[in-house]
Amino acid sequence: MTLHLGYGTNGLTDLRLDDALGLLADLGYEGVGLTLDHMHLDPLAPDLAERTRQVRRRLTSLGLRVTVETGARYVLDPRRKHGPSLLDPDPDARAARTALLVRAVDVAAELGAHAVHCFSGITPPDTSAETAWKRLTEAITPVIEAADRSGIPLAIEPEPGHLLATLADFHHLRGLLGDPGPLGLTLDIGHCQCLEEASPVCCVQDSAPWLRHVQIEDMRSGVHEHLPFGEGEIDFPPVLAALAACDYRGLTVVELPRHSHAGPELARASIDFLRDAMTKGVTPTGAMTPRGGAPC
């Protein structure tokens, strides 16, 4: 089984970025999910270009691949988590998020990243679904155009509670936009367990053509809480086998953003767990069986 394991820097925020990258390389990770944020690579800093070049040299020296992630909680607004979003009622606020994502694409191009991650945001109060989808399509179009110019796929993530929350929502957005080539999918395995009707294995199989980035952690059905491996309900060997079987070649990044206080220990435990799960996984053949009992 060939999967490329990474770890998200949003789970290592108590470490300096250089130290976090060195830790991951020492543990045997092949890559990193690099969240652009003030404590690591600040996308709003005046020295961003030079700092990005330094990070690129560090990644190269360590042999680490990278995905650029944009889920920083307060990078644009110190008082509103993930604000403003692509759905904000204020056009200038939406434009600020769009500009941040375009900048993330530029950073990704400089780093040689294999994808840029993003999400839609929560629908604001008193906003119709039609209005929210219209705002999303308009606000994300310049980012898709930037991704097209750079050759770096944009991988939007279905996020519980957001306008774009499920795989069906991802396909709805694709349809609204005319199925642009640069638009791909970030699949969070825990979110599949939490929210989707199909099993995580079936979600992997169904999303394979659009898969550009994978996040992974444990989770329970109906509860959006990122858990260390073994603390949730997911059976990981068949999930990892399904990823390998669909020839996914990007990074599979451990996503534990609320566990930075134990980041080094969890990074070590996570790679041990995933390596063990990969040895137990068998490449699936034929139909898999989701929680409902029907084939994928």
Protein backbone atom coordinates (compact mmCIF):
# COMPACT_ATOMS: atom_id res chain seq x y z
CA MET A 1 0.00 0.00 0.00
CA THR A 2 1.46 3.36 -1.03
CA LEU A 3 0.15 6.40 0.81
CA HIS A 4 2.04 9.60 1.59
CA LEU A 5 1.46 10.55 5.23
CA GLY A 6 1.62 14.11 6.52
CA TYR A 7 0.72 16.04 9.65
CA GLY A 8 -1.03 19.40 9.90
CA THR A 9 0.81 22.33 11.42
CA ASN A 10 -2.47 23.48 12.99
CA GLY A 11 -1.83 20.63 15.43
CA LEU A 12 1.69 21.86 16.18
CA THR A 13 1.08 25.55 16.93
CA ASP A 14 3.16 25.45 20.11
CA LEU A 15 6.26 24.70 18.01
CA ARG A 16 8.21 27.05 15.79
CA LEU A 17 7.63 26.09 12.17
CA ASP A 18 11.23 25.03 11.56
CA ASP A 19 11.08 22.82 14.64
CA ALA A 20 7.72 21.35 13.60
CA LEU A 21 9.01 20.47 10.14
CA GLY A 22 12.14 18.90 11.60
CA LEU A 23 10.03 16.83 13.99
CA LEU A 24 7.83 15.49 11.20
CA ALA A 25 10.81 14.57 9.04
CA ASP A 26 12.47 12.80 11.96
CA LEU A 27 9.29 10.81 12.63
CA GLY A 28 9.15 9.64 9.03
CA TYR A 29 6.32 11.75 7.64
CA GLU A 30 6.58 12.48 3.93
CA GLY A 31 4.81 15.81 4.03
CA VAL A 32 3.02 18.54 5.91
CA GLY A 33 -0.33 20.29 5.77
CA LEU A 34 0.88 23.86 6.23
CA THR A 35 -1.79 26.18 7.63
CA LEU A 36 -1.05 29.82 6.79
CA ASP A 37 -1.30 31.51 10.18
CA HIS A 38 0.40 34.15 12.30
CA MET A 39 2.49 31.72 14.35
CA HIS A 40 3.99 29.88 11.36
CA LEU A 41 3.82 31.33 7.85
CA ASP A 42 1.78 34.51 8.23
CA PRO A 43 0.02 35.30 4.93
CA LEU A 44 -0.39 38.96 5.92
CA ALA A 45 3.20 39.59 6.99
CA PRO A 46 5.21 42.13 4.96
CA ASP A 47 8.08 39.65 4.59
CA LEU A 48 5.88 36.84 3.27
CA ALA A 49 7.82 36.39 0.02
CA GLU A 50 11.19 35.96 1.73
CA ARG A 51 9.75 33.80 4.50
CA THR A 52 8.09 31.58 1.90
CA ARG A 53 11.42 31.09 0.15
CA GLN A 54 12.98 30.13 3.50
CA VAL A 55 10.22 27.59 4.14
CA ARG A 56 10.67 26.17 0.64
CA ARG A 57 14.38 25.66 1.30
CA ARG A 58 13.60 24.00 4.63
CA LEU A 59 11.03 21.66 3.06
CA THR A 60 13.47 20.75 0.32
CA SER A 61 16.31 20.05 2.74
CA LEU A 62 14.03 17.74 4.76
CA GLY A 63 12.49 16.04 1.75
CA LEU A 64 8.96 17.01 2.77
CA ARG A 65 6.01 17.52 0.42
CA VAL A 66 3.41 20.16 1.26
CA THR A 67 -0.24 21.10 0.95
CA VAL A 68 -1.21 24.68 1.78
CA GLU A 69 -4.20 24.83 4.13
CA THR A 70 -6.27 27.93 4.86
CA GLY A 71 -8.24 27.01 7.97
CA ALA A 72 -6.57 29.47 10.37
CA ARG A 73 -9.18 30.62 12.87
CA TYR A 74 -8.39 34.32 13.30
CA VAL A 75 -5.94 35.22 10.55
CA LEU A 76 -8.22 37.85 8.96
CA ASP A 77 -10.37 38.93 11.90
CA PRO A 78 -9.06 38.65 15.50
CA ARG A 79 -12.61 38.52 16.88
CA ARG A 80 -14.52 36.27 14.46
CA LYS A 81 -13.52 32.65 14.03
CA HIS A 82 -12.90 31.95 10.33
CA GLY A 83 -14.23 35.40 9.49
CA PRO A 84 -14.84 36.89 7.08
CA SER A 85 -15.86 34.01 4.86
CA LEU A 86 -16.67 33.66 1.18
CA LEU A 87 -20.35 34.05 2.21
CA ASP A 88 -20.05 37.28 4.19
CA PRO A 89 -22.87 39.79 3.52
CA ASP A 90 -20.29 42.56 3.07
CA PRO A 91 -18.76 42.43 -0.45
CA ASP A 92 -15.51 43.93 0.82
CA ALA A 93 -15.28 41.25 3.50
CA ARG A 94 -15.86 38.50 0.96
CA ALA A 95 -13.18 40.10 -1.21
CA ALA A 96 -10.73 39.94 1.71
CA ARG A 97 -11.23 36.16 1.97
CA THR A 98 -10.90 35.78 -1.79
CA ALA A 99 -7.67 37.78 -1.72
CA LEU A 100 -6.32 35.59 1.09
CA LEU A 101 -7.05 32.45 -0.91
CA VAL A 102 -5.43 33.89 -4.04
CA ARG A 103 -2.39 34.69 -1.92
CA ALA A 104 -2.44 31.11 -0.63
CA VAL A 105 -2.32 29.88 -4.23
CA ASP A 106 0.71 32.09 -4.85
CA VAL A 107 2.42 30.73 -1.74
CA ALA A 108 1.60 27.18 -2.83
CA ALA A 109 3.15 27.81 -6.23
CA GLU A 110 6.34 29.09 -4.60
CA LEU A 111 6.48 26.07 -2.28
CA GLY A 112 5.68 23.55 -5.01
CA ALA A 113 2.59 22.40 -3.10
CA HIS A 114 0.32 19.74 -4.56
CA ALA A 115 -2.94 21.52 -3.58
CA VAL A 116 -4.50 24.49 -1.80
CA HIS A 117 -7.23 23.68 0.71
CA CYS A 118 -10.24 25.91 1.45
CA PHE A 119 -13.87 25.79 2.64
CA SER A 120 -17.10 27.71 2.06
CA GLY A 121 -17.94 29.12 5.48
CA ILE A 122 -21.18 29.11 7.47
CA THR A 123 -24.28 30.61 5.87
CA PRO A 124 -24.93 33.96 7.62
CA PRO A 125 -28.24 34.48 9.44
CA ASP A 126 -31.21 35.57 7.32
CA THR A 127 -29.44 34.48 4.12
CA SER A 128 -31.25 32.26 1.63
CA ALA A 129 -29.54 29.21 0.18
CA GLU A 130 -29.78 30.75 -3.29
CA THR A 131 -28.01 33.90 -2.13
CA ALA A 132 -25.35 31.94 -0.27
CA TRP A 133 -24.52 29.76 -3.27
CA LYS A 134 -24.40 32.83 -5.50
CA ARG A 135 -21.93 34.53 -3.16
CA LEU A 136 -19.80 31.40 -3.01
CA THR A 137 -19.59 30.95 -6.76
CA GLU A 138 -18.71 34.61 -7.32
CA ALA A 139 -16.17 34.79 -4.51
CA ILE A 140 -14.37 31.55 -5.34
CA THR A 141 -14.11 32.15 -9.10
CA PRO A 142 -10.99 34.37 -8.88
CA VAL A 143 -9.34 31.71 -6.70
CA ILE A 144 -10.08 29.00 -9.26
CA GLU A 145 -8.64 31.27 -11.97
CA ALA A 146 -5.48 31.76 -9.90
CA ALA A 147 -5.25 28.00 -9.37
CA ASP A 148 -5.58 27.48 -13.11
CA ARG A 149 -2.76 29.93 -13.83
CA SER A 150 -0.47 28.35 -11.24
CA GLY A 151 -1.28 24.73 -12.00
CA ILE A 152 -2.05 24.13 -8.31
CA PRO A 153 -5.44 22.46 -7.71
CA LEU A 154 -7.90 24.15 -5.36
CA ALA A 155 -9.32 21.50 -3.01
CA ILE A 156 -12.48 22.62 -1.23
CA GLU A 157 -13.46 20.78 1.93
CA PRO A 158 -17.01 19.79 2.92
CA GLU A 159 -17.18 21.04 6.50
CA PRO A 160 -19.98 20.16 8.96
CA GLY A 161 -22.14 23.20 9.61
CA HIS A 162 -20.99 25.05 6.51
CA LEU A 163 -22.93 25.82 3.35
CA LEU A 164 -20.79 23.23 1.58
CA ALA A 165 -21.05 20.46 4.16
CA THR A 166 -21.30 17.19 2.21
CA LEU A 167 -20.02 15.50 -0.92
CA ALA A 168 -23.40 16.24 -2.53
CA ASP A 169 -22.78 19.94 -1.84
CA PHE A 170 -19.38 19.69 -3.51
CA HIS A 171 -20.99 18.30 -6.64
CA HIS A 172 -23.64 21.04 -6.50
CA LEU A 173 -20.88 23.67 -6.52
CA ARG A 174 -19.14 21.93 -9.41
CA GLY A 175 -22.37 22.08 -11.37
CA LEU A 176 -22.94 25.76 -10.63
CA LEU A 177 -19.42 26.59 -11.80
CA GLY A 178 -19.50 24.44 -14.93
CA ASP A 179 -17.14 21.78 -13.55
CA PRO A 180 -13.87 23.76 -13.72
CA GLY A 181 -10.77 21.61 -13.99
CA PRO A 182 -8.78 23.28 -11.18
CA LEU A 183 -11.54 22.67 -8.61
CA GLY A 184 -11.01 19.48 -6.64
CA LEU A 185 -11.94 18.04 -3.29
CA THR A 186 -10.44 17.86 0.18
CA LEU A 187 -11.89 14.75 1.81
CA ASP A 188 -11.79 14.68 5.58
CA ILE A 189 -12.19 11.05 6.64
CA GLY A 190 -13.56 12.00 10.05
CA HIS A 191 -16.22 14.21 8.46
CA CYS A 192 -17.37 11.20 6.44
CA GLN A 193 -17.96 9.29 9.67
CA CYS A 194 -19.58 12.31 11.32
CA LEU A 195 -21.99 13.45 8.62
CA GLU A 196 -22.24 11.39 5.45
CA GLU A 197 -24.81 8.62 5.00
CA ALA A 198 -22.24 6.45 3.22
CA SER A 199 -19.30 4.88 5.04
CA PRO A 200 -15.83 6.48 4.88
CA VAL A 201 -14.75 3.69 2.47
CA CYS A 202 -17.63 4.47 0.13
CA CYS A 203 -16.92 8.20 0.40
CA VAL A 204 -13.35 7.55 -0.72
CA GLN A 205 -14.48 5.44 -3.65
CA ASP A 206 -17.19 7.88 -4.72
CA SER A 207 -14.92 10.93 -4.55
CA ALA A 208 -11.83 9.40 -6.17
CA PRO A 209 -12.01 11.31 -9.49
CA TRP A 210 -11.96 14.68 -7.70
CA LEU A 211 -9.69 13.83 -4.77
CA ARG A 212 -6.84 16.33 -4.42
CA HIS A 213 -6.21 16.35 -0.66
CA VAL A 214 -7.06 14.09 2.29
CA GLN A 215 -7.30 14.91 5.98
CA ILE A 216 -7.56 12.09 8.48
CA GLU A 217 -8.40 11.63 12.14
CA ASP A 218 -10.83 9.59 14.22
CA MET A 219 -14.43 10.72 14.80
CA ARG A 220 -17.85 9.52 15.95
CA SER A 221 -21.10 9.56 13.99
CA GLY A 222 -23.00 12.78 14.48
CA VAL A 223 -20.29 14.49 16.54
CA HIS A 224 -17.89 16.94 14.87
CA GLU A 225 -14.90 16.43 17.13
CA HIS A 226 -11.45 15.59 15.76
CA LEU A 227 -10.12 12.72 17.86
CA PRO A 228 -6.76 10.95 18.10
CA PHE A 229 -6.74 7.56 16.39
CA GLY A 230 -8.43 4.85 18.41
CA GLU A 231 -10.76 7.22 20.28
CA GLY A 232 -13.54 7.24 17.68
CA GLU A 233 -15.46 4.74 15.57
CA ILE A 234 -13.61 4.53 12.26
CA ASP A 235 -12.20 1.24 10.99
CA PHE A 236 -9.05 2.56 9.33
CA PRO A 237 -7.44 -0.39 7.47
CA PRO A 238 -10.18 -0.57 4.79
CA VAL A 239 -10.26 3.24 4.48
CA LEU A 240 -6.52 3.39 3.84
CA ALA A 241 -6.78 0.47 1.45
CA ALA A 242 -9.53 2.28 -0.46
CA LEU A 243 -7.32 5.37 -0.78
CA ALA A 244 -4.48 3.25 -2.11
CA ALA A 245 -6.80 1.39 -4.48
CA CYS A 246 -8.07 4.60 -6.09
CA ASP A 247 -4.45 5.61 -6.80
CA TYR A 248 -4.61 8.76 -4.69
CA ARG A 249 -1.11 10.24 -4.78
CA GLY A 250 -1.46 13.39 -2.69
CA LEU A 251 -0.81 13.76 1.02
CA THR A 252 -2.94 12.11 3.69
CA VAL A 253 -2.61 14.63 6.52
CA VAL A 254 -3.40 14.01 10.18
CA GLU A 255 -5.78 16.77 11.30
CA LEU A 256 -5.80 17.36 15.08
CA PRO A 257 -6.10 21.16 15.42
CA ARG A 258 -7.19 21.12 19.07
CA HIS A 259 -4.34 18.96 20.31
CA SER A 260 -1.29 21.20 19.92
CA HIS A 261 -0.56 20.90 23.64
CA ALA A 262 0.44 17.29 22.91
CA GLY A 263 1.48 17.76 19.30
CA PRO A 264 4.87 15.99 19.29
CA GLU A 265 3.51 12.97 21.16
CA LEU A 266 0.41 12.72 18.96
CA ALA A 267 2.46 13.10 15.77
CA ARG A 268 4.53 10.10 16.86
CA ALA A 269 1.52 8.03 17.93
CA SER A 270 -0.40 8.91 14.76
CA ILE A 271 2.22 7.74 12.31
CA ASP A 272 2.69 4.51 14.27
CA PHE A 273 -1.08 3.92 14.19
CA LEU A 274 -1.41 4.64 10.46
CA ARG A 275 1.57 2.49 9.54
CA ASP A 276 0.08 -0.39 11.50
CA ALA A 277 -3.33 0.16 9.88
CA MET A 278 -1.74 0.12 6.42
CA THR A 279 -0.14 -3.24 7.10
CA LYS A 280 -3.57 -4.61 8.04
CA GLY A 281 -5.36 -3.11 5.05
CA VAL A 282 -6.08 -5.17 1.99
CA THR A 283 -6.79 -3.42 -1.30
CA PRO A 284 -10.58 -3.70 -1.66
CA THR A 285 -12.02 -5.59 -4.63
CA GLY A 286 -15.64 -5.42 -5.66
CA ALA A 287 -18.30 -3.53 -3.72
CA MET A 288 -17.68 -2.29 -0.17
CA THR A 289 -20.42 -2.23 2.45
CA PRO A 290 -21.36 1.07 4.12
CA ARG A 291 -23.04 1.46 7.50
CA GLY A 292 -26.51 1.10 5.95
CA GLY A 293 -25.65 -2.35 4.62
CA ALA A 294 -26.05 -1.52 0.92
CA PRO A 295 -23.09 -1.69 -1.49
CA CYS A 296 -21.31 1.53 -2.43
